[in-house]
Amino acid sequence: MRRPRDPLFLERRSYRQRRMGDAARMLPVLGLLLILLPVFWDPGIAGQPRSTAGDGMYLFVVWMLLIAVAALMSRGLTAAGRREARPAPPAPPAAASVHNAAAAATHPAPADRGEKG
């Protein structure tokens, strides 16, 4: 019989960063839907041509809002990325000496090979 799984714990900061990344990926899809929305609007009254001034203003406002939202999201994602990008800790000195000893064992010096110098 299987033991019930414990609930998955995600740190709040990383969870929010992942959701922000998901929202940033969905922003172009949302923008496309908002920009195509005027296509589905009413064509006009009784065959009269529709004025495009309102549609042009709508598109301009949507465009500006998408730029603003993308800028805010990129700031949040960049700040979160800086917090995660920490320099790697330096290698301990013991690891370097082990590496040198292994290299010396596989590549002996000329005096060790029995050659006369």
Protein backbone atom coordinates (compact mmCIF):
# COMPACT_ATOMS: atom_id res chain seq x y z
CA MET A 1 0.00 0.00 0.00
CA ARG A 2 1.33 3.40 -0.95
CA ARG A 3 1.88 6.08 1.58
CA PRO A 4 -0.10 9.28 0.87
CA ARG A 5 2.10 11.95 -0.70
CA ASP A 6 2.87 15.05 1.27
CA PRO A 7 1.69 18.27 -0.34
CA LEU A 8 4.31 19.92 -2.52
CA PHE A 9 5.79 22.96 -0.81
CA LEU A 10 6.98 25.77 -3.02
CA GLU A 11 8.71 28.78 -1.62
CA ARG A 12 6.49 31.82 -1.98
CA ARG A 13 9.08 33.86 -3.90
CA SER A 14 9.79 31.14 -6.46
CA TYR A 15 6.07 30.42 -6.84
CA ARG A 16 5.33 34.07 -7.58
CA GLN A 17 8.26 34.26 -9.98
CA ARG A 18 6.97 31.24 -11.90
CA ARG A 19 3.46 32.68 -12.10
CA MET A 20 4.91 36.01 -13.28
CA GLY A 21 6.79 34.12 -16.01
CA ASP A 22 3.59 32.33 -16.99
CA ALA A 23 1.76 35.64 -17.21
CA ALA A 24 4.57 37.10 -19.33
CA ARG A 25 4.25 34.18 -21.74
CA MET A 26 0.49 34.72 -22.01
CA LEU A 27 0.76 38.50 -22.56
CA PRO A 28 1.20 38.25 -26.38
CA VAL A 29 -1.87 36.00 -26.62
CA LEU A 30 -3.92 38.47 -24.58
CA GLY A 31 -2.62 41.33 -26.72
CA LEU A 32 -3.59 39.53 -29.91
CA LEU A 33 -7.12 38.92 -28.62
CA LEU A 34 -7.49 42.55 -27.53
CA ILE A 35 -6.20 43.87 -30.84
CA LEU A 36 -8.50 41.61 -32.87
CA LEU A 37 -11.52 42.54 -30.76
CA PRO A 38 -12.59 45.47 -33.02
CA VAL A 39 -13.06 42.99 -35.88
CA PHE A 40 -16.01 41.51 -34.01
CA TRP A 41 -17.64 44.85 -33.19
CA ASP A 42 -20.86 46.03 -34.80
CA PRO A 43 -20.22 47.09 -38.44
CA GLY A 44 -22.47 50.14 -38.22
CA ILE A 45 -26.13 51.17 -38.29
CA ALA A 46 -28.25 50.24 -41.33
CA GLY A 47 -25.33 49.86 -43.73
CA GLN A 48 -23.73 53.22 -42.91
CA PRO A 49 -19.96 53.08 -42.73
CA ARG A 50 -18.46 52.82 -39.27
CA SER A 51 -16.16 55.55 -38.04
CA THR A 52 -12.68 54.19 -37.43
CA ALA A 53 -11.57 56.99 -35.09
CA GLY A 54 -12.80 55.13 -32.01
CA ASP A 55 -11.20 51.89 -33.19
CA GLY A 56 -7.89 53.67 -33.75
CA MET A 57 -7.98 55.15 -30.24
CA TYR A 58 -8.83 51.72 -28.81
CA LEU A 59 -5.87 50.11 -30.58
CA PHE A 60 -3.52 52.88 -29.39
CA VAL A 61 -4.68 52.48 -25.78
CA VAL A 62 -4.34 48.67 -25.94
CA TRP A 63 -0.86 49.03 -27.43
CA MET A 64 0.25 51.45 -24.70
CA LEU A 65 -1.19 49.23 -21.94
CA LEU A 66 0.60 46.17 -23.32
CA ILE A 67 3.89 48.09 -23.32
CA ALA A 68 3.35 49.23 -19.73
CA VAL A 69 2.38 45.77 -18.48
CA ALA A 70 5.36 44.17 -20.25
CA ALA A 71 7.72 46.75 -18.73
CA LEU A 72 6.38 46.10 -15.23
CA MET A 73 6.60 42.34 -15.68
CA SER A 74 10.14 42.52 -17.01
CA ARG A 75 11.23 44.53 -13.98
CA GLY A 76 9.74 41.96 -11.65
CA LEU A 77 11.30 39.06 -13.54
CA THR A 78 14.70 40.76 -13.79
CA ALA A 79 14.80 41.54 -10.07
CA ALA A 80 13.83 37.97 -9.23
CA GLY A 81 16.46 36.63 -11.63
CA ARG A 82 19.16 38.72 -9.95
CA ARG A 83 18.24 37.29 -6.57
CA GLU A 84 18.59 33.76 -7.90
CA ALA A 85 21.81 34.34 -9.85
CA ARG A 86 24.37 34.06 -7.12
CA PRO A 87 28.02 33.37 -7.84
CA ALA A 88 29.09 29.75 -7.46
CA PRO A 89 31.12 29.05 -4.34
CA PRO A 90 34.84 28.63 -4.98
CA ALA A 91 36.16 25.08 -5.20
CA PRO A 92 37.79 23.87 -2.01
CA PRO A 93 41.60 23.65 -2.16
CA ALA A 94 41.52 19.90 -1.43
CA ALA A 95 39.69 19.26 -4.71
CA ALA A 96 42.41 21.06 -6.65
CA SER A 97 45.18 18.98 -5.05
CA VAL A 98 43.28 15.74 -5.77
CA HIS A 99 42.95 16.83 -9.40
CA ASN A 100 46.68 17.58 -9.62
CA ALA A 101 47.58 14.21 -8.06
CA ALA A 102 45.34 12.39 -10.54
CA ALA A 103 46.89 14.29 -13.45
CA ALA A 104 50.40 13.47 -12.24
CA ALA A 105 49.51 9.78 -11.97
CA THR A 106 48.22 9.61 -15.55
CA HIS A 107 50.96 11.81 -17.05
CA PRO A 108 54.26 11.09 -15.28
CA ALA A 109 57.11 13.54 -15.52
CA PRO A 110 59.98 12.67 -17.92
CA ALA A 111 62.31 11.69 -15.04
CA ASP A 112 59.69 9.19 -13.77
CA ARG A 113 59.54 7.36 -17.12
CA GLY A 114 63.11 6.21 -16.85
CA GLU A 115 64.43 8.68 -19.40
CA LYS A 116 67.80 10.18 -18.84
CA GLY A 117 67.89 13.90 -18.70
